Amino acid sequence: MAALYRLLLVKTETRSFYEAAVERTVRRISRMLDEALNLDSLAREAALSPFHFHRIFRGMLGETPLEMHRRLRLERAASQLLSGGSLRARHAPRAVRLARG
């Protein structure tokens, strides 16, 4: 919450730049759910350092790019399971590519 508060204190032009960069990233993440996520690449496209990009993204959305990617993949798999689509329960972890921990 403190990061979001600090974001509100920045210049309007800077805030607009951050909002546009985050919006572009969200669209990209949504399009590439079946691909690996690379923070350095996302940050480069946003014209920010990886550290600053990660902090801005999380401050604005409350989750990191990786957390969003993982959540969207899980939501997609759950939707396919519930809708009776082609995804079967035993194949869901592979479809989501959950890492073993």
PDB file of N, CA and C in Angstrom:
ATOM      1  N   MET A   1       0.824  -1.192   0.000  1.00  0.00           N
ATOM      2  CA  MET A   1       0.000   0.000   0.000  1.00  0.00           C
ATOM      3  C   MET A   1       0.871   1.261   0.000  1.00  0.00           C
ATOM      4  N   ALA A   2       2.006   1.189   0.679  1.00  0.00           N
ATOM      5  CA  ALA A   2       2.903   2.338   0.711  1.00  0.00           C
ATOM      6  C   ALA A   2       3.423   2.656  -0.690  1.00  0.00           C
ATOM      7  N   ALA A   3       3.686   1.608  -1.483  1.00  0.00           N
ATOM      8  CA  ALA A   3       4.173   1.824  -2.846  1.00  0.00           C
ATOM      9  C   ALA A   3       3.111   2.530  -3.683  1.00  0.00           C
ATOM     10  N   LEU A   4       1.851   2.154  -3.494  1.00  0.00           N
ATOM     11  CA  LEU A   4       0.769   2.795  -4.227  1.00  0.00           C
ATOM     12  C   LEU A   4       0.639   4.255  -3.800  1.00  0.00           C
ATOM     13  N   TYR A   5       0.776   4.526  -2.512  1.00  0.00           N
ATOM     14  CA  TYR A   5       0.725   5.902  -2.019  1.00  0.00           C
ATOM     15  C   TYR A   5       1.839   6.737  -2.636  1.00  0.00           C
ATOM     16  N   ARG A   6       3.058   6.171  -2.676  1.00  0.00           N
ATOM     17  CA  ARG A   6       4.177   6.897  -3.276  1.00  0.00           C
ATOM     18  C   ARG A   6       3.925   7.153  -4.757  1.00  0.00           C
ATOM     19  N   LEU A   7       3.274   6.220  -5.413  1.00  0.00           N
ATOM     20  CA  LEU A   7       2.977   6.379  -6.835  1.00  0.00           C
ATOM     21  C   LEU A   7       2.032   7.557  -7.060  1.00  0.00           C
ATOM     22  N   LEU A   8       1.133   7.770  -6.126  1.00  0.00           N
ATOM     23  CA  LEU A   8       0.204   8.885  -6.254  1.00  0.00           C
ATOM     24  C   LEU A   8       0.904  10.235  -6.104  1.00  0.00           C
ATOM     25  N   LEU A   9       2.082  10.244  -5.519  1.00  0.00           N
ATOM     26  CA  LEU A   9       2.814  11.479  -5.283  1.00  0.00           C
ATOM     27  C   LEU A   9       3.712  11.880  -6.443  1.00  0.00           C
ATOM     28  N   VAL A  10       3.838  11.034  -7.461  1.00  0.00           N
ATOM     29  CA  VAL A  10       4.720  11.361  -8.593  1.00  0.00           C
ATOM     30  C   VAL A  10       4.017  12.303  -9.558  1.00  0.00           C
ATOM     31  N   LYS A  11       4.796  12.909 -10.431  1.00  0.00           N
ATOM     32  CA  LYS A  11       4.242  13.822 -11.430  1.00  0.00           C
ATOM     33  C   LYS A  11       3.223  13.099 -12.301  1.00  0.00           C
ATOM     34  N   THR A  12       2.282  13.841 -12.818  1.00  0.00           N
ATOM     35  CA  THR A  12       1.218  13.293 -13.661  1.00  0.00           C
ATOM     36  C   THR A  12       1.803  12.585 -14.888  1.00  0.00           C
ATOM     37  N   GLU A  13       2.816  13.188 -15.499  1.00  0.00           N
ATOM     38  CA  GLU A  13       3.418  12.587 -16.698  1.00  0.00           C
ATOM     39  C   GLU A  13       4.085  11.250 -16.353  1.00  0.00           C
ATOM     40  N   THR A  14       4.751  11.213 -15.227  1.00  0.00           N
ATOM     41  CA  THR A  14       5.422   9.977 -14.809  1.00  0.00           C
ATOM     42  C   THR A  14       4.396   8.901 -14.503  1.00  0.00           C
ATOM     43  N   ARG A  15       3.346   9.276 -13.791  1.00  0.00           N
ATOM     44  CA  ARG A  15       2.289   8.314 -13.463  1.00  0.00           C
ATOM     45  C   ARG A  15       1.646   7.777 -14.744  1.00  0.00           C
ATOM     46  N   SER A  16       1.403   8.654 -15.708  1.00  0.00           N
ATOM     47  CA  SER A  16       0.822   8.217 -16.983  1.00  0.00           C
ATOM     48  C   SER A  16       1.747   7.246 -17.699  1.00  0.00           C
ATOM     49  N   PHE A  17       3.048   7.522 -17.661  1.00  0.00           N
ATOM     50  CA  PHE A  17       4.041   6.632 -18.266  1.00  0.00           C
ATOM     51  C   PHE A  17       3.990   5.255 -17.606  1.00  0.00           C
ATOM     52  N   TYR A  18       3.974   5.232 -16.268  1.00  0.00           N
ATOM     53  CA  TYR A  18       3.904   3.968 -15.529  1.00  0.00           C
ATOM     54  C   TYR A  18       2.621   3.213 -15.852  1.00  0.00           C
ATOM     55  N   GLU A  19       1.492   3.926 -15.859  1.00  0.00           N
ATOM     56  CA  GLU A  19       0.212   3.273 -16.140  1.00  0.00           C
ATOM     57  C   GLU A  19       0.201   2.643 -17.530  1.00  0.00           C
ATOM     58  N   ALA A  20       0.722   3.358 -18.515  1.00  0.00           N
ATOM     59  CA  ALA A  20       0.764   2.827 -19.880  1.00  0.00           C
ATOM     60  C   ALA A  20       1.686   1.615 -19.960  1.00  0.00           C
ATOM     61  N   ALA A  21       2.836   1.691 -19.290  1.00  0.00           N
ATOM     62  CA  ALA A  21       3.780   0.566 -19.305  1.00  0.00           C
ATOM     63  C   ALA A  21       3.174  -0.669 -18.657  1.00  0.00           C
ATOM     64  N   VAL A  22       2.500  -0.484 -17.530  1.00  0.00           N
ATOM     65  CA  VAL A  22       1.872  -1.613 -16.837  1.00  0.00           C
ATOM     66  C   VAL A  22       0.726  -2.174 -17.675  1.00  0.00           C
ATOM     67  N   GLU A  23      -0.054  -1.316 -18.275  1.00  0.00           N
ATOM     68  CA  GLU A  23      -1.166  -1.777 -19.121  1.00  0.00           C
ATOM     69  C   GLU A  23      -0.658  -2.611 -20.299  1.00  0.00           C
ATOM     70  N   ARG A  24       0.406  -2.149 -20.951  1.00  0.00           N
ATOM     71  CA  ARG A  24       0.997  -2.922 -22.057  1.00  0.00           C
ATOM     72  C   ARG A  24       1.498  -4.279 -21.566  1.00  0.00           C
ATOM     73  N   THR A  25       2.098  -4.284 -20.391  1.00  0.00           N
ATOM     74  CA  THR A  25       2.621  -5.530 -19.833  1.00  0.00           C
ATOM     75  C   THR A  25       1.505  -6.501 -19.505  1.00  0.00           C
ATOM     76  N   VAL A  26       0.422  -6.008 -18.945  1.00  0.00           N
ATOM     77  CA  VAL A  26      -0.720  -6.884 -18.625  1.00  0.00           C
ATOM     78  C   VAL A  26      -1.270  -7.511 -19.899  1.00  0.00           C
ATOM     79  N   ARG A  27      -1.384  -6.716 -20.960  1.00  0.00           N
ATOM     80  CA  ARG A  27      -1.862  -7.279 -22.234  1.00  0.00           C
ATOM     81  C   ARG A  27      -0.896  -8.343 -22.743  1.00  0.00           C
ATOM     82  N   ARG A  28       0.391  -8.074 -22.636  1.00  0.00           N
ATOM     83  CA  ARG A  28       1.388  -9.053 -23.102  1.00  0.00           C
ATOM     84  C   ARG A  28       1.322 -10.334 -22.282  1.00  0.00           C
ATOM     85  N   ILE A  29       1.239 -10.205 -20.968  1.00  0.00           N
ATOM     86  CA  ILE A  29       1.159 -11.389 -20.112  1.00  0.00           C
ATOM     87  C   ILE A  29      -0.066 -12.208 -20.475  1.00  0.00           C
ATOM     88  N   SER A  30      -1.188 -11.541 -20.712  1.00  0.00           N
ATOM     89  CA  SER A  30      -2.432 -12.236 -21.063  1.00  0.00           C
ATOM     90  C   SER A  30      -2.311 -12.987 -22.389  1.00  0.00           C
ATOM     91  N   ARG A  31      -1.528 -12.439 -23.312  1.00  0.00           N
ATOM     92  CA  ARG A  31      -1.353 -13.082 -24.618  1.00  0.00           C
ATOM     93  C   ARG A  31      -0.359 -14.230 -24.573  1.00  0.00           C
ATOM     94  N   MET A  32       0.540 -14.236 -23.604  1.00  0.00           N
ATOM     95  CA  MET A  32       1.614 -15.232 -23.601  1.00  0.00           C
ATOM     96  C   MET A  32       1.522 -16.200 -22.422  1.00  0.00           C
ATOM     97  N   LEU A  33       0.331 -16.655 -22.125  1.00  0.00           N
ATOM     98  CA  LEU A  33       0.151 -17.546 -20.990  1.00  0.00           C
ATOM     99  C   LEU A  33       0.865 -18.881 -21.164  1.00  0.00           C
ATOM    100  N   ASP A  34       1.097 -19.301 -22.389  1.00  0.00           N
ATOM    101  CA  ASP A  34       1.754 -20.582 -22.628  1.00  0.00           C
ATOM    102  C   ASP A  34       3.273 -20.451 -22.763  1.00  0.00           C
ATOM    103  N   GLU A  35       3.790 -19.256 -22.569  1.00  0.00           N
ATOM    104  CA  GLU A  35       5.222 -19.023 -22.687  1.00  0.00           C
ATOM    105  C   GLU A  35       5.814 -18.688 -21.321  1.00  0.00           C
ATOM    106  N   ALA A  36       7.102 -18.899 -21.194  1.00  0.00           N
ATOM    107  CA  ALA A  36       7.801 -18.522 -19.966  1.00  0.00           C
ATOM    108  C   ALA A  36       7.851 -17.000 -19.869  1.00  0.00           C
ATOM    109  N   LEU A  37       7.798 -16.516 -18.654  1.00  0.00           N
ATOM    110  CA  LEU A  37       7.830 -15.079 -18.418  1.00  0.00           C
ATOM    111  C   LEU A  37       9.254 -14.656 -18.071  1.00  0.00           C
ATOM    112  N   ASN A  38       9.708 -13.565 -18.660  1.00  0.00           N
ATOM    113  CA  ASN A  38      11.057 -13.072 -18.422  1.00  0.00           C
ATOM    114  C   ASN A  38      10.969 -11.627 -17.940  1.00  0.00           C
ATOM    115  N   LEU A  39      11.263 -11.406 -16.659  1.00  0.00           N
ATOM    116  CA  LEU A  39      11.147 -10.078 -16.067  1.00  0.00           C
ATOM    117  C   LEU A  39      12.044  -9.064 -16.765  1.00  0.00           C
ATOM    118  N   ASP A  40      13.260  -9.458 -17.110  1.00  0.00           N
ATOM    119  CA  ASP A  40      14.182  -8.531 -17.781  1.00  0.00           C
ATOM    120  C   ASP A  40      13.606  -8.052 -19.114  1.00  0.00           C
ATOM    121  N   SER A  41      13.022  -8.960 -19.855  1.00  0.00           N
ATOM    122  CA  SER A  41      12.428  -8.610 -21.141  1.00  0.00           C
ATOM    123  C   SER A  41      11.226  -7.680 -20.957  1.00  0.00           C
ATOM    124  N   LEU A  42      10.375  -7.987 -19.976  1.00  0.00           N
ATOM    125  CA  LEU A  42       9.215  -7.129 -19.716  1.00  0.00           C
ATOM    126  C   LEU A  42       9.668  -5.732 -19.298  1.00  0.00           C
ATOM    127  N   ALA A  43      10.669  -5.670 -18.435  1.00  0.00           N
ATOM    128  CA  ALA A  43      11.178  -4.383 -17.964  1.00  0.00           C
ATOM    129  C   ALA A  43      11.795  -3.586 -19.109  1.00  0.00           C
ATOM    130  N   ARG A  44      12.531  -4.270 -19.962  1.00  0.00           N
ATOM    131  CA  ARG A  44      13.161  -3.596 -21.107  1.00  0.00           C
ATOM    132  C   ARG A  44      12.086  -2.981 -22.010  1.00  0.00           C
ATOM    133  N   GLU A  45      11.019  -3.723 -22.262  1.00  0.00           N
ATOM    134  CA  GLU A  45       9.929  -3.207 -23.093  1.00  0.00           C
ATOM    135  C   GLU A  45       9.219  -2.026 -22.436  1.00  0.00           C
ATOM    136  N   ALA A  46       9.237  -1.992 -21.110  1.00  0.00           N
ATOM    137  CA  ALA A  46       8.637  -0.886 -20.376  1.00  0.00           C
ATOM    138  C   ALA A  46       9.604   0.286 -20.210  1.00  0.00           C
ATOM    139  N   ALA A  47      10.845   0.116 -20.669  1.00  0.00           N
ATOM    140  CA  ALA A  47      11.888   1.137 -20.557  1.00  0.00           C
ATOM    141  C   ALA A  47      12.202   1.469 -19.099  1.00  0.00           C
ATOM    142  N   LEU A  48      12.236   0.430 -18.262  1.00  0.00           N
ATOM    143  CA  LEU A  48      12.552   0.579 -16.844  1.00  0.00           C
ATOM    144  C   LEU A  48      13.555  -0.497 -16.446  1.00  0.00           C
ATOM    145  N   SER A  49      14.242  -0.268 -15.351  1.00  0.00           N
ATOM    146  CA  SER A  49      15.113  -1.325 -14.826  1.00  0.00           C
ATOM    147  C   SER A  49      14.229  -2.438 -14.279  1.00  0.00           C
ATOM    148  N   PRO A  50      14.714  -3.672 -14.242  1.00  0.00           N
ATOM    149  CA  PRO A  50      13.902  -4.766 -13.699  1.00  0.00           C
ATOM    150  C   PRO A  50      13.425  -4.485 -12.273  1.00  0.00           C
ATOM    151  N   PHE A  51      14.295  -3.943 -11.424  1.00  0.00           N
ATOM    152  CA  PHE A  51      13.903  -3.650 -10.055  1.00  0.00           C
ATOM    153  C   PHE A  51      12.779  -2.620 -10.007  1.00  0.00           C
ATOM    154  N   HIS A  52      12.951  -1.522 -10.730  1.00  0.00           N
ATOM    155  CA  HIS A  52      11.948  -0.453 -10.716  1.00  0.00           C
ATOM    156  C   HIS A  52      10.637  -0.930 -11.350  1.00  0.00           C
ATOM    157  N   PHE A  53      10.740  -1.654 -12.448  1.00  0.00           N
ATOM    158  CA  PHE A  53       9.545  -2.179 -13.111  1.00  0.00           C
ATOM    159  C   PHE A  53       8.761  -3.093 -12.170  1.00  0.00           C
ATOM    160  N   HIS A  54       9.466  -4.000 -11.510  1.00  0.00           N
ATOM    161  CA  HIS A  54       8.824  -4.942 -10.586  1.00  0.00           C
ATOM    162  C   HIS A  54       8.110  -4.175  -9.475  1.00  0.00           C
ATOM    163  N   ARG A  55       8.773  -3.173  -8.937  1.00  0.00           N
ATOM    164  CA  ARG A  55       8.201  -2.382  -7.848  1.00  0.00           C
ATOM    165  C   ARG A  55       6.976  -1.594  -8.311  1.00  0.00           C
ATOM    166  N   ILE A  56       7.040  -0.977  -9.480  1.00  0.00           N
ATOM    167  CA  ILE A  56       5.908  -0.208 -10.015  1.00  0.00           C
ATOM    168  C   ILE A  56       4.733  -1.133 -10.317  1.00  0.00           C
ATOM    169  N   PHE A  57       5.002  -2.248 -10.973  1.00  0.00           N
ATOM    170  CA  PHE A  57       3.950  -3.195 -11.337  1.00  0.00           C
ATOM    171  C   PHE A  57       3.219  -3.677 -10.083  1.00  0.00           C
ATOM    172  N   ARG A  58       3.983  -4.110  -9.103  1.00  0.00           N
ATOM    173  CA  ARG A  58       3.370  -4.613  -7.869  1.00  0.00           C
ATOM    174  C   ARG A  58       2.641  -3.502  -7.108  1.00  0.00           C
ATOM    175  N   GLY A  59       3.202  -2.315  -7.106  1.00  0.00           N
ATOM    176  CA  GLY A  59       2.564  -1.194  -6.430  1.00  0.00           C
ATOM    177  C   GLY A  59       1.233  -0.828  -7.057  1.00  0.00           C
ATOM    178  N   MET A  60       1.137  -0.947  -8.373  1.00  0.00           N
ATOM    179  CA  MET A  60      -0.100  -0.578  -9.060  1.00  0.00           C
ATOM    180  C   MET A  60      -1.143  -1.687  -9.033  1.00  0.00           C
ATOM    181  N   LEU A  61      -0.700  -2.949  -9.120  1.00  0.00           N
ATOM    182  CA  LEU A  61      -1.653  -4.048  -9.266  1.00  0.00           C
ATOM    183  C   LEU A  61      -1.745  -4.974  -8.058  1.00  0.00           C
ATOM    184  N   GLY A  62      -0.822  -4.838  -7.130  1.00  0.00           N
ATOM    185  CA  GLY A  62      -0.885  -5.675  -5.940  1.00  0.00           C
ATOM    186  C   GLY A  62      -0.350  -7.082  -6.125  1.00  0.00           C
ATOM    187  N   GLU A  63       0.221  -7.356  -7.274  1.00  0.00           N
ATOM    188  CA  GLU A  63       0.855  -8.646  -7.535  1.00  0.00           C
ATOM    189  C   GLU A  63       1.981  -8.426  -8.524  1.00  0.00           C
ATOM    190  N   THR A  64       2.951  -9.324  -8.496  1.00  0.00           N
ATOM    191  CA  THR A  64       4.084  -9.212  -9.410  1.00  0.00           C
ATOM    192  C   THR A  64       3.678  -9.751 -10.787  1.00  0.00           C
ATOM    193  N   PRO A  65       4.477  -9.471 -11.816  1.00  0.00           N
ATOM    194  CA  PRO A  65       4.165 -10.043 -13.129  1.00  0.00           C
ATOM    195  C   PRO A  65       4.087 -11.577 -13.087  1.00  0.00           C
ATOM    196  N   LEU A  66       5.012 -12.220 -12.366  1.00  0.00           N
ATOM    197  CA  LEU A  66       4.993 -13.674 -12.272  1.00  0.00           C
ATOM    198  C   LEU A  66       3.736 -14.165 -11.555  1.00  0.00           C
ATOM    199  N   GLU A  67       3.350 -13.493 -10.491  1.00  0.00           N
ATOM    200  CA  GLU A  67       2.131 -13.882  -9.777  1.00  0.00           C
ATOM    201  C   GLU A  67       0.905 -13.734 -10.670  1.00  0.00           C
ATOM    202  N   MET A  68       0.863 -12.650 -11.457  1.00  0.00           N
ATOM    203  CA  MET A  68      -0.264 -12.465 -12.377  1.00  0.00           C
ATOM    204  C   MET A  68      -0.282 -13.570 -13.430  1.00  0.00           C
ATOM    205  N   HIS A  69       0.874 -13.871 -13.990  1.00  0.00           N
ATOM    206  CA  HIS A  69       0.991 -14.914 -15.010  1.00  0.00           C
ATOM    207  C   HIS A  69       0.488 -16.242 -14.462  1.00  0.00           C
ATOM    208  N   ARG A  70       0.938 -16.592 -13.277  1.00  0.00           N
ATOM    209  CA  ARG A  70       0.531 -17.849 -12.638  1.00  0.00           C
ATOM    210  C   ARG A  70      -0.977 -17.859 -12.347  1.00  0.00           C
ATOM    211  N   ARG A  71      -1.501 -16.748 -11.818  1.00  0.00           N
ATOM    212  CA  ARG A  71      -2.936 -16.659 -11.512  1.00  0.00           C
ATOM    213  C   ARG A  71      -3.779 -16.808 -12.777  1.00  0.00           C
ATOM    214  N   LEU A  72      -3.398 -16.119 -13.838  1.00  0.00           N
ATOM    215  CA  LEU A  72      -4.168 -16.203 -15.085  1.00  0.00           C
ATOM    216  C   LEU A  72      -4.136 -17.611 -15.671  1.00  0.00           C
ATOM    217  N   ARG A  73      -3.004 -18.300 -15.556  1.00  0.00           N
ATOM    218  CA  ARG A  73      -2.910 -19.679 -16.044  1.00  0.00           C
ATOM    219  C   ARG A  73      -3.828 -20.593 -15.228  1.00  0.00           C
ATOM    220  N   LEU A  74      -3.827 -20.390 -13.917  1.00  0.00           N
ATOM    221  CA  LEU A  74      -4.701 -21.199 -13.057  1.00  0.00           C
ATOM    222  C   LEU A  74      -6.174 -20.920 -13.345  1.00  0.00           C
ATOM    223  N   GLU A  75      -6.516 -19.656 -13.523  1.00  0.00           N
ATOM    224  CA  GLU A  75      -7.901 -19.304 -13.840  1.00  0.00           C
ATOM    225  C   GLU A  75      -8.343 -19.908 -15.162  1.00  0.00           C
ATOM    226  N   ARG A  76      -7.448 -19.893 -16.142  1.00  0.00           N
ATOM    227  CA  ARG A  76      -7.785 -20.487 -17.441  1.00  0.00           C
ATOM    228  C   ARG A  76      -8.019 -21.991 -17.305  1.00  0.00           C
ATOM    229  N   ALA A  77      -7.138 -22.683 -16.568  1.00  0.00           N
ATOM    230  CA  ALA A  77      -7.291 -24.129 -16.373  1.00  0.00           C
ATOM    231  C   ALA A  77      -8.572 -24.434 -15.607  1.00  0.00           C
ATOM    232  N   ALA A  78      -8.867 -23.664 -14.583  1.00  0.00           N
ATOM    233  CA  ALA A  78     -10.096 -23.878 -13.805  1.00  0.00           C
ATOM    234  C   ALA A  78     -11.325 -23.676 -14.679  1.00  0.00           C
ATOM    235  N   SER A  79     -11.285 -22.660 -15.507  1.00  0.00           N
ATOM    236  CA  SER A  79     -12.408 -22.399 -16.405  1.00  0.00           C
ATOM    237  C   SER A  79     -12.609 -23.552 -17.381  1.00  0.00           C
ATOM    238  N   GLN A  80     -11.514 -24.081 -17.908  1.00  0.00           N
ATOM    239  CA  GLN A  80     -11.615 -25.209 -18.840  1.00  0.00           C
ATOM    240  C   GLN A  80     -12.153 -26.455 -18.141  1.00  0.00           C
ATOM    241  N   LEU A  81     -11.734 -26.673 -16.913  1.00  0.00           N
ATOM    242  CA  LEU A  81     -12.231 -27.828 -16.160  1.00  0.00           C
ATOM    243  C   LEU A  81     -13.716 -27.692 -15.870  1.00  0.00           C
ATOM    244  N   LEU A  82     -14.127 -26.512 -15.435  1.00  0.00           N
ATOM    245  CA  LEU A  82     -15.525 -26.289 -15.060  1.00  0.00           C
ATOM    246  C   LEU A  82     -16.463 -26.269 -16.259  1.00  0.00           C
ATOM    247  N   SER A  83     -15.965 -25.857 -17.394  1.00  0.00           N
ATOM    248  CA  SER A  83     -16.826 -25.770 -18.576  1.00  0.00           C
ATOM    249  C   SER A  83     -16.935 -27.100 -19.316  1.00  0.00           C
ATOM    250  N   GLY A  84     -16.245 -28.120 -18.810  1.00  0.00           N
ATOM    251  CA  GLY A  84     -16.292 -29.411 -19.479  1.00  0.00           C
ATOM    252  C   GLY A  84     -15.513 -29.410 -20.774  1.00  0.00           C
ATOM    253  N   GLY A  85     -14.542 -28.535 -20.867  1.00  0.00           N
ATOM    254  CA  GLY A  85     -13.712 -28.431 -22.071  1.00  0.00           C
ATOM    255  C   GLY A  85     -12.809 -29.645 -22.228  1.00  0.00           C
ATOM    256  N   SER A  86     -11.834 -29.501 -23.045  1.00  0.00           N
ATOM    257  CA  SER A  86     -10.967 -30.627 -23.378  1.00  0.00           C
ATOM    258  C   SER A  86      -9.946 -30.941 -22.284  1.00  0.00           C
ATOM    259  N   LEU A  87      -9.788 -30.072 -21.308  1.00  0.00           N
ATOM    260  CA  LEU A  87      -8.811 -30.292 -20.249  1.00  0.00           C
ATOM    261  C   LEU A  87      -9.369 -31.257 -19.212  1.00  0.00           C
ATOM    262  N   ARG A  88      -8.650 -32.318 -18.947  1.00  0.00           N
ATOM    263  CA  ARG A  88      -9.041 -33.291 -17.929  1.00  0.00           C
ATOM    264  C   ARG A  88      -8.258 -33.001 -16.656  1.00  0.00           C
ATOM    265  N   ALA A  89      -8.838 -33.370 -15.521  1.00  0.00           N
ATOM    266  CA  ALA A  89      -8.250 -33.051 -14.221  1.00  0.00           C
ATOM    267  C   ALA A  89      -6.815 -33.565 -14.095  1.00  0.00           C
ATOM    268  N   ARG A  90      -6.546 -34.757 -14.598  1.00  0.00           N
ATOM    269  CA  ARG A  90      -5.195 -35.303 -14.431  1.00  0.00           C
ATOM    270  C   ARG A  90      -4.157 -34.565 -15.280  1.00  0.00           C
ATOM    271  N   HIS A  91      -4.614 -33.824 -16.296  1.00  0.00           N
ATOM    272  CA  HIS A  91      -3.706 -33.074 -17.156  1.00  0.00           C
ATOM    273  C   HIS A  91      -3.597 -31.598 -16.749  1.00  0.00           C
ATOM    274  N   ALA A  92      -4.398 -31.179 -15.790  1.00  0.00           N
ATOM    275  CA  ALA A  92      -4.419 -29.764 -15.400  1.00  0.00           C
ATOM    276  C   ALA A  92      -3.049 -29.268 -14.916  1.00  0.00           C
ATOM    277  N   PRO A  93      -2.356 -29.995 -14.030  1.00  0.00           N
ATOM    278  CA  PRO A  93      -1.045 -29.454 -13.586  1.00  0.00           C
ATOM    279  C   PRO A  93      -0.060 -29.274 -14.743  1.00  0.00           C
ATOM    280  N   ARG A  94      -0.070 -30.171 -15.688  1.00  0.00           N
ATOM    281  CA  ARG A  94       0.827 -30.025 -16.832  1.00  0.00           C
ATOM    282  C   ARG A  94       0.405 -28.839 -17.688  1.00  0.00           C
ATOM    283  N   ALA A  95      -0.899 -28.647 -17.848  1.00  0.00           N
ATOM    284  CA  ALA A  95      -1.392 -27.520 -18.645  1.00  0.00           C
ATOM    285  C   ALA A  95      -1.015 -26.197 -17.996  1.00  0.00           C
ATOM    286  N   VAL A  96      -1.001 -26.165 -16.689  1.00  0.00           N
ATOM    287  CA  VAL A  96      -0.658 -24.945 -15.963  1.00  0.00           C
ATOM    288  C   VAL A  96       0.844 -24.851 -15.746  1.00  0.00           C
ATOM    289  N   ARG A  97       1.539 -25.994 -15.858  1.00  0.00           N
ATOM    290  CA  ARG A  97       2.992 -26.082 -15.666  1.00  0.00           C
ATOM    291  C   ARG A  97       3.402 -25.572 -14.292  1.00  0.00           C
ATOM    292  N   LEU A  98       2.720 -26.070 -13.295  1.00  0.00           N
ATOM    293  CA  LEU A  98       3.065 -25.679 -11.930  1.00  0.00           C
ATOM    294  C   LEU A  98       4.407 -26.278 -11.540  1.00  0.00           C
ATOM    295  N   ALA A  99       5.220 -25.458 -10.947  1.00  0.00           N
ATOM    296  CA  ALA A  99       6.524 -25.949 -10.472  1.00  0.00           C
ATOM    297  C   ALA A  99       6.329 -26.723  -9.188  1.00  0.00           C
ATOM    298  N   ARG A 100       7.071 -27.796  -9.068  1.00  0.00           N
ATOM    299  CA  ARG A 100       7.017 -28.558  -7.818  1.00  0.00           C
ATOM    300  C   ARG A 100       7.848 -27.830  -6.783  1.00  0.00           C
ATOM    301  N   GLY A 101       7.316 -27.758  -5.576  1.00  0.00           N
ATOM    302  CA  GLY A 101       8.047 -27.023  -4.569  1.00  0.00           C
ATOM    303  C   GLY A 101       8.244 -27.775  -3.388  1.00  0.00           C
TER     304      GLY A 101
END
